[in-house]
Structures are given as structure tokens and as C-alpha cells.
N, C-alpha and C. Protein backbone atom coordinates (compact mmCIF):
# COMPACT_ATOMS: atom_id res chain seq x y z
N MET A 1 7.93 -10.60 9.94
CA MET A 1 7.47 -10.88 8.59
C MET A 1 5.97 -10.68 8.51
N ARG A 2 5.53 -9.95 7.53
CA ARG A 2 4.11 -9.72 7.31
C ARG A 2 3.50 -10.87 6.54
N GLN A 3 2.27 -11.19 6.86
CA GLN A 3 1.55 -12.18 6.09
C GLN A 3 0.73 -11.47 5.02
N VAL A 4 0.56 -12.14 3.90
CA VAL A 4 -0.22 -11.56 2.81
C VAL A 4 -1.69 -11.49 3.21
N LEU A 5 -2.22 -12.58 3.72
CA LEU A 5 -3.62 -12.65 4.11
C LEU A 5 -3.75 -12.73 5.62
N PRO A 6 -4.87 -12.27 6.17
CA PRO A 6 -5.07 -12.41 7.62
C PRO A 6 -5.24 -13.89 7.98
N SER A 7 -5.00 -14.19 9.23
CA SER A 7 -5.18 -15.55 9.72
C SER A 7 -5.72 -15.49 11.13
N LYS A 8 -5.75 -16.62 11.78
CA LYS A 8 -6.22 -16.68 13.16
C LYS A 8 -5.38 -15.78 14.07
N HIS A 9 -4.08 -15.68 13.78
CA HIS A 9 -3.18 -14.91 14.64
C HIS A 9 -2.75 -13.58 14.04
N THR A 10 -3.12 -13.31 12.82
CA THR A 10 -2.77 -12.05 12.16
C THR A 10 -4.05 -11.32 11.77
N PRO A 11 -4.35 -10.19 12.43
CA PRO A 11 -5.56 -9.46 12.06
C PRO A 11 -5.43 -8.84 10.67
N LEU A 12 -6.55 -8.56 10.05
CA LEU A 12 -6.56 -7.99 8.70
C LEU A 12 -5.70 -6.75 8.61
N ARG A 13 -5.78 -5.86 9.56
CA ARG A 13 -5.05 -4.59 9.47
C ARG A 13 -3.53 -4.76 9.52
N ARG A 14 -3.05 -5.92 9.98
CA ARG A 14 -1.61 -6.18 10.03
C ARG A 14 -1.12 -7.02 8.86
N SER A 15 -2.03 -7.43 7.98
CA SER A 15 -1.63 -8.22 6.80
C SER A 15 -1.34 -7.29 5.63
N LEU A 16 -0.63 -7.78 4.62
CA LEU A 16 -0.35 -6.97 3.43
C LEU A 16 -1.65 -6.59 2.72
N LEU A 17 -2.60 -7.48 2.69
CA LEU A 17 -3.88 -7.19 2.06
C LEU A 17 -4.59 -6.04 2.77
N GLY A 18 -4.63 -6.09 4.07
CA GLY A 18 -5.28 -5.03 4.84
C GLY A 18 -4.56 -3.70 4.74
N GLN A 19 -3.23 -3.73 4.84
CA GLN A 19 -2.47 -2.50 4.73
C GLN A 19 -2.51 -1.95 3.31
N GLY A 20 -2.59 -2.85 2.33
CA GLY A 20 -2.72 -2.40 0.94
C GLY A 20 -4.00 -1.61 0.72
N THR A 21 -5.09 -2.06 1.33
CA THR A 21 -6.35 -1.30 1.18
C THR A 21 -6.23 0.08 1.80
N LEU A 22 -5.49 0.19 2.91
CA LEU A 22 -5.31 1.51 3.53
C LEU A 22 -4.51 2.43 2.62
N VAL A 23 -3.46 1.89 1.99
CA VAL A 23 -2.64 2.70 1.08
C VAL A 23 -3.46 3.12 -0.14
N LEU A 24 -4.24 2.21 -0.70
CA LEU A 24 -5.07 2.55 -1.86
C LEU A 24 -6.13 3.58 -1.51
N ARG A 25 -6.64 3.52 -0.30
CA ARG A 25 -7.63 4.51 0.14
C ARG A 25 -6.99 5.90 0.23
N VAL A 26 -5.76 5.96 0.73
CA VAL A 26 -5.04 7.24 0.82
C VAL A 26 -4.71 7.75 -0.58
N LEU A 27 -4.30 6.85 -1.46
CA LEU A 27 -3.92 7.23 -2.82
C LEU A 27 -5.11 7.72 -3.63
N ALA A 28 -6.27 7.11 -3.42
CA ALA A 28 -7.51 7.42 -4.15
C ALA A 28 -7.22 7.41 -5.65
N ASP A 29 -7.61 8.43 -6.37
CA ASP A 29 -7.39 8.49 -7.81
C ASP A 29 -6.31 9.50 -8.19
N SER A 30 -5.44 9.82 -7.25
CA SER A 30 -4.41 10.81 -7.51
C SER A 30 -3.06 10.14 -7.75
N GLU A 31 -2.09 10.94 -8.08
CA GLU A 31 -0.70 10.51 -8.21
C GLU A 31 0.10 11.26 -7.17
N MET A 32 1.07 10.60 -6.57
CA MET A 32 1.92 11.30 -5.61
C MET A 32 3.24 10.59 -5.45
N PRO A 33 4.26 11.33 -5.03
CA PRO A 33 5.57 10.73 -4.80
C PRO A 33 5.51 9.78 -3.59
N VAL A 34 6.41 8.82 -3.58
CA VAL A 34 6.45 7.82 -2.51
C VAL A 34 6.53 8.47 -1.12
N PRO A 35 7.43 9.45 -0.89
CA PRO A 35 7.51 10.03 0.46
C PRO A 35 6.19 10.68 0.90
N MET A 36 5.50 11.34 -0.02
CA MET A 36 4.22 11.97 0.33
C MET A 36 3.16 10.91 0.65
N LEU A 37 3.12 9.84 -0.14
CA LEU A 37 2.17 8.76 0.11
C LEU A 37 2.44 8.13 1.47
N TYR A 38 3.70 7.90 1.79
CA TYR A 38 4.05 7.35 3.10
C TYR A 38 3.60 8.29 4.22
N ALA A 39 3.88 9.58 4.07
CA ALA A 39 3.52 10.54 5.11
C ALA A 39 2.00 10.57 5.32
N LEU A 40 1.24 10.55 4.25
CA LEU A 40 -0.23 10.59 4.36
C LEU A 40 -0.77 9.28 4.94
N ALA A 41 -0.21 8.14 4.53
CA ALA A 41 -0.65 6.86 5.09
C ALA A 41 -0.31 6.78 6.57
N ARG A 42 0.87 7.24 6.91
CA ARG A 42 1.30 7.22 8.33
C ARG A 42 0.45 8.16 9.16
N GLU A 43 0.09 9.31 8.60
CA GLU A 43 -0.76 10.28 9.29
C GLU A 43 -2.17 9.71 9.52
N ALA A 44 -2.70 9.03 8.50
CA ALA A 44 -4.04 8.47 8.60
C ALA A 44 -4.09 7.24 9.51
N HIS A 45 -3.02 6.46 9.52
CA HIS A 45 -2.99 5.20 10.28
C HIS A 45 -1.63 5.03 10.95
N PRO A 46 -1.31 5.85 11.97
CA PRO A 46 0.04 5.84 12.54
C PRO A 46 0.44 4.51 13.18
N GLU A 47 -0.51 3.77 13.69
CA GLU A 47 -0.18 2.52 14.37
C GLU A 47 0.10 1.37 13.40
N ASP A 48 -0.24 1.55 12.12
CA ASP A 48 -0.14 0.45 11.16
C ASP A 48 1.08 0.50 10.25
N PHE A 49 1.78 1.61 10.18
CA PHE A 49 2.84 1.73 9.19
C PHE A 49 4.17 2.14 9.78
N ASP A 50 5.21 1.37 9.47
CA ASP A 50 6.57 1.83 9.58
C ASP A 50 7.12 1.74 8.15
N TYR A 51 8.26 2.34 7.89
CA TYR A 51 8.72 2.45 6.50
C TYR A 51 9.00 1.09 5.85
N PRO A 52 9.67 0.15 6.53
CA PRO A 52 9.90 -1.16 5.88
C PRO A 52 8.60 -1.88 5.51
N SER A 53 7.59 -1.86 6.38
CA SER A 53 6.34 -2.53 6.04
C SER A 53 5.60 -1.78 4.94
N PHE A 54 5.73 -0.45 4.90
CA PHE A 54 5.12 0.35 3.83
C PHE A 54 5.71 -0.05 2.47
N LEU A 55 7.04 -0.21 2.42
CA LEU A 55 7.68 -0.62 1.16
C LEU A 55 7.25 -2.02 0.75
N LEU A 56 7.07 -2.90 1.70
CA LEU A 56 6.59 -4.25 1.41
C LEU A 56 5.17 -4.20 0.85
N VAL A 57 4.35 -3.33 1.40
CA VAL A 57 2.98 -3.14 0.90
C VAL A 57 3.01 -2.61 -0.53
N LEU A 58 3.89 -1.65 -0.82
CA LEU A 58 4.01 -1.13 -2.19
C LEU A 58 4.44 -2.24 -3.15
N ASP A 59 5.39 -3.07 -2.74
CA ASP A 59 5.81 -4.20 -3.58
C ASP A 59 4.62 -5.12 -3.87
N PHE A 60 3.86 -5.43 -2.84
CA PHE A 60 2.69 -6.30 -3.00
C PHE A 60 1.67 -5.68 -3.95
N LEU A 61 1.37 -4.40 -3.77
CA LEU A 61 0.39 -3.72 -4.64
C LEU A 61 0.88 -3.65 -6.08
N PHE A 62 2.18 -3.46 -6.26
CA PHE A 62 2.75 -3.43 -7.61
C PHE A 62 2.65 -4.80 -8.28
N MET A 63 2.91 -5.85 -7.52
CA MET A 63 2.86 -7.22 -8.07
C MET A 63 1.45 -7.60 -8.51
N ILE A 64 0.44 -7.12 -7.80
CA ILE A 64 -0.94 -7.45 -8.19
C ILE A 64 -1.53 -6.39 -9.11
N LYS A 65 -0.67 -5.47 -9.59
CA LYS A 65 -1.03 -4.42 -10.54
C LYS A 65 -2.10 -3.47 -10.01
N ALA A 66 -2.10 -3.27 -8.71
CA ALA A 66 -3.03 -2.31 -8.11
C ALA A 66 -2.47 -0.90 -8.17
N ILE A 67 -1.14 -0.78 -8.32
CA ILE A 67 -0.50 0.53 -8.46
C ILE A 67 0.51 0.47 -9.60
N ASP A 68 0.82 1.64 -10.13
CA ASP A 68 1.88 1.82 -11.13
C ASP A 68 2.88 2.80 -10.55
N MET A 69 4.12 2.69 -11.00
CA MET A 69 5.15 3.61 -10.55
C MET A 69 5.94 4.10 -11.73
N VAL A 70 6.02 5.42 -11.88
CA VAL A 70 6.83 6.05 -12.91
C VAL A 70 7.79 6.98 -12.17
N GLY A 71 9.06 6.64 -12.21
CA GLY A 71 10.05 7.39 -11.43
C GLY A 71 9.78 7.15 -9.96
N THR A 72 9.47 8.21 -9.24
CA THR A 72 9.12 8.07 -7.82
C THR A 72 7.65 8.38 -7.58
N THR A 73 6.87 8.46 -8.65
CA THR A 73 5.44 8.79 -8.53
C THR A 73 4.59 7.53 -8.60
N ILE A 74 3.70 7.39 -7.63
CA ILE A 74 2.80 6.25 -7.53
C ILE A 74 1.41 6.68 -7.97
N SER A 75 0.74 5.82 -8.75
CA SER A 75 -0.66 6.06 -9.12
C SER A 75 -1.39 4.74 -9.08
N ARG A 76 -2.72 4.80 -9.11
CA ARG A 76 -3.52 3.57 -9.13
C ARG A 76 -3.18 2.82 -10.41
N GLY A 77 -3.24 1.49 -10.35
CA GLY A 77 -2.93 0.65 -11.49
C GLY A 77 -3.97 0.76 -12.57
N ASN A 78 -3.59 0.39 -13.78
CA ASN A 78 -4.50 0.39 -14.91
C ASN A 78 -5.39 -0.84 -14.78
N LYS A 79 -6.66 -0.64 -14.51
CA LYS A 79 -7.56 -1.78 -14.30
C LYS A 79 -7.84 -2.55 -15.58
N TYR A 80 -7.43 -2.00 -16.72
CA TYR A 80 -7.66 -2.68 -17.99
C TYR A 80 -6.42 -3.38 -18.50
N ALA A 81 -5.33 -3.35 -17.75
CA ALA A 81 -4.08 -4.00 -18.18
C ALA A 81 -4.25 -5.52 -18.10
N SER A 82 -3.61 -6.20 -19.00
CA SER A 82 -3.70 -7.67 -18.97
C SER A 82 -2.50 -8.28 -18.30
């Protein structure tokens, strides 16, 4: 089970918050399908991502409105949404 925030025993890079920043960095200001985003995130940080944890990170980012999803395409969230 992943922790949302880092702790004494969970480093930042293994928490949802840390992995979310890695995914957002890969996504930048573009739009891309989920499989492509996973492939690029895995390529950039192979030790940090397996598919189940990647999906958990996407769920977390969606809940905090950091990303939007239309069909299978992911984009950065609308920073002006309420």
C-alpha cells in the first residue's frame, strides 16, 4: 500500500505525492493517452513505477484536480476550476 505523504519510513519518491510530481513533470503541458504517459513515466523513472502504483497515482492526481481525463487522454487539470 502506498502512502499519500512521505513519512519516517516512506521516502518522498515512494509516496503518492512524490510519484504524482514525477507524472506531472512527464505530462508537462501536453495531452497524451494513458499508455503513452505510463511508458514515458516508466522510461524516465523505471525504479519508481509499476502499473498498479501508476494507476493509484492517476487516481490521486484526479482527486486533487491536478489532471483531467477525457476518454483515455490525460491532461493537466484546470487550475481555475472550483
